[in-house]
């Protein structure tokens, strides 16, 4: 009998790790936005040297929460403190399970009195929606504006908002030209308004490229008008529209790990949630990839400190996971770093594509080399001991390096040489993104996060570091 929900699917599979490692969902897709407008190298360089227009209108979920109980839902589910969360502020919101493991993260906007919007990937939106439906919140209205379909096949796509970012060292000149006058540089993650093509739109002070920039959003009906106005104003400053290929790689320089496995597949207290999740949900179809393979799905779970969110954990409120997190000593947990991959070893991966003998190495796509929704590669020391996990991999034209974001043991210092095991064991899984291959040990240098010196020097808050 066909499974009706995630829990039944897990029960029928008998092995959660194998179910997810062999998912047939294919590569993670950033929908609607073209892969490239010029080429991904040029678009990467633009956010470092001139300016870039990121189009975030389609790949994220908007979850609107309105009413007096909205702040209670947020407080009860997030590790973040809400003691100081006035209107026109935003937070990087991080919910955890009762065991203290991360479900995901995203940006939470306080747009008006009793009016909040979560923007991010599906796992957190799904969790919030479930809690809203089952948590006894009577003065709460929730509306989900789902991400656009991955493969619309020519069908018209619409959203509640368009959402853009103008980023790069010349971003503020473009912003003020669009506005027709000075735009106040409010503090990081503070919100305001500006004019775009005769429309008053909302803004968030942001910085995905290491310089002050803005995220802007307005009614989707004005998408074309707003986009054209931004590109026209930015032409003299060298603005480039950014396609989905380059967009997804920006995080390698700025340091945000976007897709940890949502830690919801075990625990009796989460059974009702898994029964609520559909068989075609993100959680049920999520493709787990990489060289790290364990029989226990819980070995893939990550806590806030391992992902660099330790500073967000505040015990001034009751929230799901609080008791478990209070038992953790953050200083003993793995820490987030960047791994700079050895150029010679990476060149060998590419050279194997041209070797007619043998299966070669797992394909390293550019600029985003991830081949699953949640990617876990083993990081080992000189003795071959696993000392961390490499979680997001790709290439930066600005740094001229292959990079990955990782979490490693706390005693490992910047400058240490380790190895990443690239490719899956035993010739690879049955994922559609994998062909038979052999594994490759790649030397990596443990490096700071953010990796970009520009981001570290000029914008020390990073781009998603607001608790």
Protein backbone atom coordinates (compact mmCIF):
# COMPACT_ATOMS: atom_id res chain seq x y z
CA UNK A 1 0.00 0.00 0.00
CA UNK A 2 1.33 3.43 -0.92
CA UNK A 3 2.53 5.61 1.92
CA UNK A 4 0.26 8.52 2.79
CA UNK A 5 2.76 10.61 4.76
CA UNK A 6 6.43 10.86 5.66
CA UNK A 7 6.14 8.58 8.70
CA UNK A 8 4.58 5.80 6.64
CA UNK A 9 7.26 6.28 3.99
CA UNK A 10 10.00 5.89 6.62
CA UNK A 11 8.30 2.83 8.10
CA UNK A 12 8.04 1.19 4.68
CA UNK A 13 11.63 1.98 3.71
CA UNK A 14 13.10 0.58 6.92
CA UNK A 15 16.27 2.63 6.43
CA UNK A 16 16.03 6.41 6.44
CA UNK A 17 19.61 7.00 5.33
CA UNK A 18 19.28 4.74 2.30
CA UNK A 19 15.91 6.28 1.42
CA UNK A 20 17.37 9.79 1.34
CA UNK A 21 20.71 8.82 -0.21
CA UNK A 22 18.87 7.27 -3.14
CA UNK A 23 16.24 9.97 -3.60
CA UNK A 24 15.17 10.43 -7.22
CA UNK A 25 14.30 14.12 -6.86
CA UNK A 26 17.35 15.21 -8.86
CA UNK A 27 19.46 18.32 -8.39
CA UNK A 28 18.18 21.18 -6.26
CA UNK A 29 16.71 23.74 -8.65
CA UNK A 30 16.46 27.52 -8.30
CA UNK A 31 13.30 28.02 -10.35
CA UNK A 32 12.27 30.50 -13.05
CA UNK A 33 15.39 32.72 -12.92
CA UNK A 34 17.68 31.91 -15.89
CA UNK A 35 20.86 30.00 -15.10
CA UNK A 36 23.01 32.79 -16.57
CA UNK A 37 22.40 36.22 -18.03
CA UNK A 38 25.98 36.70 -19.29
CA UNK A 39 28.12 34.00 -17.71
CA UNK A 40 28.44 32.89 -14.11
CA UNK A 41 32.09 34.02 -13.80
CA UNK A 42 31.25 37.55 -14.85
CA UNK A 43 28.25 37.60 -12.53
CA UNK A 44 30.33 36.42 -9.56
CA UNK A 45 32.96 39.08 -10.22
CA UNK A 46 30.28 41.79 -10.41
CA UNK A 47 29.28 41.43 -6.75
CA UNK A 48 32.91 41.99 -5.78
CA UNK A 49 33.88 44.75 -8.23
CA UNK A 50 30.75 46.67 -9.30
CA UNK A 51 27.20 45.60 -8.42
CA UNK A 52 24.79 42.75 -8.96
CA UNK A 53 21.03 42.27 -8.98
CA UNK A 54 20.02 39.09 -7.17
CA UNK A 55 16.52 37.85 -8.00
CA UNK A 56 15.12 36.01 -4.97
CA UNK A 57 11.51 36.10 -6.11
CA UNK A 58 10.98 32.39 -6.70
CA UNK A 59 13.12 29.92 -4.75
CA UNK A 60 11.98 30.67 -1.20
CA UNK A 61 8.76 30.18 0.75
CA UNK A 62 6.97 33.19 2.23
CA UNK A 63 5.06 32.33 5.41
CA UNK A 64 2.88 35.18 6.67
CA UNK A 65 1.96 35.12 10.38
CA UNK A 66 -0.52 37.71 11.58
CA UNK A 67 -2.31 38.35 14.84
CA UNK A 68 -1.52 38.73 18.57
CA UNK A 69 -0.36 35.10 18.83
CA UNK A 70 2.20 35.41 16.02
CA UNK A 71 4.98 36.53 18.34
CA UNK A 72 4.13 33.68 20.72
CA UNK A 73 4.55 31.15 17.91
CA UNK A 74 7.89 32.70 16.97
CA UNK A 75 9.10 32.82 20.56
CA UNK A 76 8.08 29.22 21.25
CA UNK A 77 9.86 27.80 18.22
CA UNK A 78 13.08 29.79 17.79
CA UNK A 79 16.39 29.81 19.64
CA UNK A 80 16.45 33.58 19.08
CA UNK A 81 15.38 36.03 21.74
CA UNK A 82 12.31 38.13 20.90
CA UNK A 83 12.79 40.48 23.84
CA UNK A 84 14.02 43.18 21.46
CA UNK A 85 12.26 42.66 18.15
CA UNK A 86 10.47 45.87 17.19
CA UNK A 87 8.64 46.62 13.95
CA UNK A 88 10.94 47.19 10.96
CA UNK A 89 13.60 44.73 12.12
CA UNK A 90 14.59 41.31 10.83
CA UNK A 91 16.28 38.30 12.38
CA UNK A 92 17.95 35.16 11.11
CA UNK A 93 15.48 32.73 12.64
CA UNK A 94 16.62 29.25 13.75
CA UNK A 95 14.18 26.62 15.13
CA UNK A 96 15.33 23.39 16.74
CA UNK A 97 13.74 20.05 17.60
CA UNK A 98 13.12 18.93 21.21
CA UNK A 99 16.58 17.29 21.03
CA UNK A 100 18.17 20.65 20.21
CA UNK A 101 19.02 19.91 16.58
CA UNK A 102 18.54 22.45 13.79
CA UNK A 103 15.54 22.16 11.46
CA UNK A 104 16.74 24.94 9.17
CA UNK A 105 16.91 28.72 9.15
CA UNK A 106 15.74 31.77 7.25
CA UNK A 107 14.95 35.43 7.64
CA UNK A 108 12.07 36.60 9.83
CA UNK A 109 10.71 40.07 9.03
CA UNK A 110 8.67 42.12 11.52
CA UNK A 111 6.72 44.15 8.99
CA UNK A 112 4.02 45.64 11.21
CA UNK A 113 2.26 45.34 14.53
CA UNK A 114 1.41 41.62 14.93
CA UNK A 115 2.56 41.10 11.32
CA UNK A 116 5.54 38.83 10.56
CA UNK A 117 6.90 37.09 7.46
CA UNK A 118 9.32 34.17 7.40
CA UNK A 119 11.30 33.85 4.16
CA UNK A 120 13.44 30.78 3.49
CA UNK A 121 13.52 27.14 2.51
CA UNK A 122 10.64 24.76 3.08
CA UNK A 123 11.69 22.91 6.29
CA UNK A 124 11.28 25.91 8.61
CA UNK A 125 8.08 27.10 6.90
CA UNK A 126 6.60 23.61 7.22
CA UNK A 127 7.58 23.40 10.89
CA UNK A 128 6.04 26.79 11.68
CA UNK A 129 2.85 25.92 9.80
CA UNK A 130 2.51 22.64 11.71
CA UNK A 131 3.09 24.36 15.06
CA UNK A 132 0.57 27.05 14.15
CA UNK A 133 -2.07 24.41 13.36
CA UNK A 134 -1.44 22.23 16.41
CA UNK A 135 -0.17 24.61 19.10
CA UNK A 136 -3.44 26.11 20.28
CA UNK A 137 -2.82 29.57 18.82
CA UNK A 138 -6.29 31.09 18.53
CA UNK A 139 -5.40 34.66 17.56
CA UNK A 140 -3.22 33.73 14.63
CA UNK A 141 -3.67 33.76 10.86
CA UNK A 142 -1.07 31.93 8.75
CA UNK A 143 -0.74 32.14 4.97
CA UNK A 144 1.79 30.14 2.97
CA UNK A 145 3.03 31.52 -0.35
CA UNK A 146 4.97 28.51 -1.62
CA UNK A 147 8.12 28.69 -3.72
CA UNK A 148 7.61 28.59 -7.46
CA UNK A 149 7.57 25.13 -9.07
CA UNK A 150 11.01 23.82 -9.95
CA UNK A 151 9.90 22.98 -13.49
CA UNK A 152 7.00 25.24 -14.50
CA UNK A 153 7.15 24.01 -18.14
CA UNK A 154 6.03 27.31 -19.60
CA UNK A 155 3.16 27.88 -17.18
CA UNK A 156 2.65 31.38 -15.79
CA UNK A 157 4.22 31.75 -12.35
CA UNK A 158 3.22 34.36 -9.81
CA UNK A 159 4.14 35.16 -6.24
CA UNK A 160 2.88 37.46 -3.52
CA UNK A 161 6.03 39.61 -3.77
CA UNK A 162 8.96 40.13 -6.04
CA UNK A 163 12.15 40.15 -3.99
CA UNK A 164 15.46 41.59 -5.22
CA UNK A 165 18.81 42.46 -3.75
CA UNK A 166 21.19 45.15 -4.99
CA UNK A 167 24.67 44.25 -3.78
CA UNK A 168 28.29 45.20 -4.43
CA UNK A 169 30.64 48.14 -3.83
CA UNK A 170 28.58 50.45 -6.12
CA UNK A 171 25.21 49.27 -4.85
CA UNK A 172 24.44 52.39 -2.82
CA UNK A 173 25.04 54.70 -5.79
CA UNK A 174 22.50 52.68 -7.75
CA UNK A 175 20.03 52.63 -4.86
CA UNK A 176 20.10 56.41 -4.52
CA UNK A 177 19.76 56.93 -8.26
CA UNK A 178 16.68 54.67 -8.30
CA UNK A 179 15.21 56.49 -5.32
CA UNK A 180 15.87 59.91 -6.81
CA UNK A 181 17.69 61.08 -3.72
CA UNK A 182 19.55 60.10 -0.59
CA UNK A 183 18.68 56.79 1.07
CA UNK A 184 19.60 56.55 4.72
CA UNK A 185 22.00 53.72 5.49
CA UNK A 186 20.06 52.24 8.36
CA UNK A 187 21.68 49.60 10.55
CA UNK A 188 22.18 46.01 9.42
CA UNK A 189 18.89 44.05 9.29
CA UNK A 190 16.83 47.19 9.85
CA UNK A 191 13.95 47.86 7.47
CA UNK A 192 12.79 51.01 5.72
CA UNK A 193 11.16 52.22 2.47
CA UNK A 194 12.32 53.64 -0.86
CA UNK A 195 10.86 54.48 -4.27
CA UNK A 196 11.30 52.20 -7.28
CA UNK A 197 9.71 53.25 -10.60
CA UNK A 198 7.06 55.31 -8.82
CA UNK A 199 6.20 52.61 -6.29
CA UNK A 200 7.00 52.75 -2.59
CA UNK A 201 8.61 49.44 -1.61
CA UNK A 202 10.02 47.88 1.54
CA UNK A 203 13.76 47.52 2.11
CA UNK A 204 16.10 45.56 4.38
CA UNK A 205 19.70 46.61 4.97
CA UNK A 206 21.74 43.61 3.90
CA UNK A 207 25.24 42.73 2.69
CA UNK A 208 25.65 39.47 0.77
CA UNK A 209 28.80 40.64 -1.01
CA UNK A 210 30.71 42.40 1.75
CA UNK A 211 29.43 45.95 1.12
CA UNK A 212 26.25 47.73 2.26
CA UNK A 213 23.30 46.81 0.07
CA UNK A 214 19.55 46.43 0.21
CA UNK A 215 16.97 43.74 -0.18
CA UNK A 216 13.78 45.15 -1.72
CA UNK A 217 10.32 43.71 -2.13
CA UNK A 218 7.02 44.81 -3.56
CA UNK A 219 3.83 43.47 -5.24
CA UNK A 220 4.62 40.81 -7.84
CA UNK A 221 2.43 42.62 -10.37
CA UNK A 222 5.15 45.30 -10.56
CA UNK A 223 7.98 42.78 -11.07
CA UNK A 224 8.97 43.78 -14.59
CA UNK A 225 8.69 47.50 -13.94
CA UNK A 226 10.84 47.31 -10.81
CA UNK A 227 13.46 45.02 -12.35
CA UNK A 228 13.82 47.17 -15.46
CA UNK A 229 14.15 50.33 -13.37
CA UNK A 230 16.92 48.81 -11.26
CA UNK A 231 18.89 47.55 -14.26
CA UNK A 232 18.50 50.83 -16.14
CA UNK A 233 19.67 52.87 -13.16
CA UNK A 234 22.59 50.51 -12.54
CA UNK A 235 23.86 50.36 -16.11
CA UNK A 236 26.35 53.22 -15.69
CA UNK A 237 27.70 51.58 -12.51
CA UNK A 238 28.29 48.18 -14.09
CA UNK A 239 25.38 46.28 -12.57
CA UNK A 240 24.93 42.68 -13.71
CA UNK A 241 21.73 40.64 -13.32
CA UNK A 242 22.72 37.43 -11.56
CA UNK A 243 21.52 34.05 -12.76
CA UNK A 244 20.74 31.08 -10.56
CA UNK A 245 24.11 29.39 -11.14
CA UNK A 246 26.16 32.24 -9.70
CA UNK A 247 23.57 33.15 -7.06
CA UNK A 248 23.82 29.81 -5.29
CA UNK A 249 27.62 30.09 -5.02
CA UNK A 250 27.67 33.46 -3.24
CA UNK A 251 27.43 31.75 0.13
CA UNK A 252 30.89 30.21 -0.35
CA UNK A 253 32.39 33.68 0.08
CA UNK A 254 29.96 34.99 2.71
CA UNK A 255 29.84 31.87 4.88
CA UNK A 256 26.21 30.79 5.31
CA UNK A 257 25.49 27.03 5.22
CA UNK A 258 22.11 26.87 3.45
CA UNK A 259 20.89 23.28 3.54
CA UNK A 260 21.61 21.13 6.59
CA UNK A 261 19.44 18.03 6.86
CA UNK A 262 16.27 18.94 8.83
CA UNK A 263 16.62 16.90 12.03
CA UNK A 264 13.07 15.55 12.11
CA UNK A 265 13.34 11.92 11.04
CA UNK A 266 13.56 10.37 14.53
CA UNK A 267 12.06 10.90 17.98
CA UNK A 268 8.64 9.80 19.14
CA UNK A 269 7.79 13.39 20.05
CA UNK A 270 8.09 14.27 16.33
CA UNK A 271 5.94 11.41 15.05
CA UNK A 272 2.87 13.60 14.68
CA UNK A 273 4.90 16.04 12.61
CA UNK A 274 6.17 13.30 10.31
CA UNK A 275 2.58 12.09 9.93
CA UNK A 276 1.64 15.64 8.93
CA UNK A 277 4.39 15.89 6.28
CA UNK A 278 3.26 14.67 2.87
CA UNK A 279 5.10 12.08 0.78
CA UNK A 280 6.09 14.78 -1.70
CA UNK A 281 7.30 17.24 0.92
CA UNK A 282 10.88 18.56 1.00
CA UNK A 283 11.53 16.32 4.01
CA UNK A 284 10.33 13.17 2.22
CA UNK A 285 12.13 13.74 -1.09
CA UNK A 286 15.31 15.40 0.22
CA UNK A 287 18.41 13.99 -1.51
CA UNK A 288 21.26 13.23 0.90
CA UNK A 289 24.65 13.25 -0.83
CA UNK A 290 28.33 12.87 -0.11
CA UNK A 291 31.07 10.63 1.21
CA UNK A 292 29.90 10.64 4.82
CA UNK A 293 27.67 7.61 5.26
CA UNK A 294 26.28 6.38 8.57
CA UNK A 295 23.58 3.83 9.29
CA UNK A 296 22.12 6.25 11.84
CA UNK A 297 20.30 9.27 10.42
CA UNK A 298 20.92 11.13 13.69
CA UNK A 299 24.63 11.30 12.82
CA UNK A 300 23.61 13.84 10.17
CA UNK A 301 21.84 16.12 12.65
CA UNK A 302 23.57 19.39 13.56
CA UNK A 303 23.13 21.67 16.55
CA UNK A 304 23.31 25.49 16.45
CA UNK A 305 26.98 25.72 17.43
CA UNK A 306 28.08 23.39 14.64
CA UNK A 307 26.45 25.71 12.09
CA UNK A 308 27.77 28.93 13.61
CA UNK A 309 24.51 29.87 15.32
CA UNK A 310 25.69 29.51 18.92
CA UNK A 311 25.50 33.26 19.48
CA UNK A 312 21.79 33.18 18.62
CA UNK A 313 20.91 30.76 21.42
CA UNK A 314 19.22 32.77 24.16
CA UNK A 315 17.73 31.16 27.25
CA UNK A 316 15.57 34.16 28.20
CA UNK A 317 12.45 32.41 26.88
CA UNK A 318 10.93 28.94 26.65
CA UNK A 319 11.28 27.31 23.24
CA UNK A 320 11.32 23.85 21.72
CA UNK A 321 14.78 22.40 22.32
CA UNK A 322 15.73 24.69 25.22
CA UNK A 323 16.24 21.92 27.77
CA UNK A 324 18.49 19.95 25.43
CA UNK A 325 20.55 23.00 24.43
CA UNK A 326 21.10 24.00 28.06
CA UNK A 327 22.94 20.71 28.53
CA UNK A 328 25.41 21.49 25.72
CA UNK A 329 28.74 23.21 26.29
CA UNK A 330 29.13 25.28 23.16
CA UNK A 331 32.92 25.42 23.54
CA UNK A 332 33.18 21.66 23.00
CA UNK A 333 31.13 21.60 19.79
CA UNK A 334 32.35 21.54 16.23
CA UNK A 335 32.76 24.98 14.66
CA UNK A 336 32.04 26.47 11.25
CA UNK A 337 35.03 27.08 8.94
CA UNK A 338 35.82 27.48 5.25
CA UNK A 339 37.93 24.82 3.54
CA UNK A 340 40.15 25.98 0.66
CA UNK A 341 40.65 23.04 -1.70
CA UNK A 342 44.08 22.21 -3.10
CA UNK A 343 44.27 23.32 -6.75
CA UNK A 344 46.28 20.30 -7.94
CA UNK A 345 43.83 17.84 -6.40
CA UNK A 346 40.85 19.66 -7.88
CA UNK A 347 42.57 19.68 -11.28
CA UNK A 348 42.84 15.88 -11.04
CA UNK A 349 39.07 15.66 -10.51
CA UNK A 350 38.49 17.61 -13.72
CA UNK A 351 41.17 15.70 -15.61
CA UNK A 352 39.37 12.43 -14.86
CA UNK A 353 36.58 13.59 -17.18
CA UNK A 354 39.00 13.16 -20.06
CA UNK A 355 40.41 9.81 -18.98
CA UNK A 356 38.89 7.05 -21.16
CA UNK A 357 39.95 4.35 -18.67
CA UNK A 358 38.02 3.82 -15.43
CA UNK A 359 34.97 5.49 -13.97
CA UNK A 360 36.74 8.71 -12.88
CA UNK A 361 35.76 10.91 -9.98
CA UNK A 362 32.36 12.27 -9.02
CA UNK A 363 31.50 15.21 -11.28
CA UNK A 364 32.43 18.61 -9.82
CA UNK A 365 29.92 21.02 -11.31
CA UNK A 366 30.63 24.75 -11.56
CA UNK A 367 30.18 26.96 -9.73
CA UNK A 368 27.99 24.90 -7.36
CA UNK A 369 29.36 21.38 -7.01
CA UNK A 370 26.65 20.04 -4.67
CA UNK A 371 24.77 17.06 -6.07
CA UNK A 372 22.12 16.65 -3.39
CA UNK A 373 19.75 18.79 -1.37
CA UNK A 374 21.81 18.16 1.79
CA UNK A 375 25.50 17.47 1.19
CA UNK A 376 27.76 15.73 3.70
CA UNK A 377 31.38 14.94 2.81
CA UNK A 378 33.78 13.48 5.38
CA UNK A 379 36.65 15.70 6.53
CA UNK A 380 39.57 13.62 7.81
CA UNK A 381 42.91 14.30 9.49
CA UNK A 382 46.32 12.83 8.61
CA UNK A 383 45.42 9.59 10.41
CA UNK A 384 42.19 9.21 8.44
CA UNK A 385 39.96 10.06 11.41
CA UNK A 386 36.73 11.92 10.60
CA UNK A 387 37.07 15.33 12.27
CA UNK A 388 34.28 17.20 10.53
CA UNK A 389 31.78 17.48 7.72
CA UNK A 390 32.02 19.48 4.51
CA UNK A 391 28.49 20.77 3.86
CA UNK A 392 28.47 23.04 0.79
CA UNK A 393 31.00 23.01 -2.06
CA UNK A 394 31.72 25.07 -5.14
CA UNK A 395 34.02 27.51 -6.90
CA UNK A 396 34.60 31.26 -6.56
CA UNK A 397 35.94 33.25 -9.50
CA UNK A 398 36.78 36.05 -7.09
CA UNK A 399 39.02 33.82 -5.00
CA UNK A 400 40.07 31.56 -7.91
CA UNK A 401 39.51 28.59 -5.63
CA UNK A 402 37.29 25.66 -4.95
CA UNK A 403 35.84 26.20 -1.48
CA UNK A 404 33.52 24.43 0.90
CA UNK A 405 31.79 25.37 4.12
CA UNK A 406 32.34 22.88 6.90
CA UNK A 407 32.02 22.15 10.59
CA UNK A 408 35.12 20.73 12.31
CA UNK A 409 36.33 19.76 15.79
CA UNK A 410 36.91 22.79 18.04
CA UNK A 411 40.64 22.19 18.54
CA UNK A 412 41.42 22.39 14.81
CA UNK A 413 43.14 25.68 14.06
CA UNK A 414 43.06 27.96 11.04
CA UNK A 415 45.87 26.91 8.71
CA UNK A 416 45.61 23.20 9.44
CA UNK A 417 45.74 20.90 6.42
CA UNK A 418 43.01 18.25 6.32
CA UNK A 419 41.41 16.19 3.57
CA UNK A 420 37.90 16.06 2.16
CA UNK A 421 36.73 12.73 0.73
CA UNK A 422 35.07 13.67 -2.56
CA UNK A 423 32.56 11.22 -3.97
CA UNK A 424 30.43 8.48 -2.50
CA UNK A 425 31.61 5.02 -1.42
CA UNK A 426 31.08 1.82 -3.40
CA UNK A 427 30.75 3.55 -6.73
CA UNK A 428 28.01 5.93 -5.62
CA UNK A 429 24.33 5.89 -4.72
CA UNK A 430 21.36 5.63 -7.06
CA UNK A 431 20.65 9.38 -7.11
CA UNK A 432 20.00 10.75 -10.57
CA UNK A 433 22.91 13.20 -10.10
CA UNK A 434 25.44 10.40 -9.58
CA UNK A 435 27.21 8.16 -12.08
CA UNK A 436 29.66 5.37 -11.16
CA UNK A 437 32.87 6.86 -9.79
CA UNK A 438 35.73 6.37 -7.37
CA UNK A 439 36.45 8.53 -4.35
CA UNK A 440 39.17 11.16 -4.27
CA UNK A 441 41.03 12.55 -1.25
CA UNK A 442 41.37 16.32 -1.65
CA UNK A 443 43.77 18.31 0.49
CA UNK A 444 42.11 21.33 2.07
CA UNK A 445 43.35 24.22 4.19
CA UNK A 446 41.20 25.22 7.17
CA UNK A 447 40.39 28.90 6.62
CA UNK A 448 38.28 31.66 8.17
CA UNK A 449 34.56 32.12 7.64
CA UNK A 450 33.62 34.29 5.83
CA UNK A 451 36.47 33.34 3.49
CA UNK A 452 36.34 36.61 1.59
CA UNK A 453 38.79 39.10 3.08
CA UNK A 454 36.49 41.87 1.81
CA UNK A 455 33.58 40.53 3.85
CA UNK A 456 35.70 39.99 6.98
CA UNK A 457 37.35 43.41 6.78
CA UNK A 458 34.58 45.68 5.56
CA UNK A 459 31.43 43.96 6.75
CA UNK A 460 32.25 41.93 9.88
CA UNK A 461 28.62 41.04 10.54
CA UNK A 462 28.57 38.84 7.46
CA UNK A 463 25.25 38.79 5.63
CA UNK A 464 23.15 36.51 7.81
CA UNK A 465 24.48 37.14 11.27
CA UNK A 466 21.62 38.83 13.08
CA UNK A 467 20.19 37.00 16.11
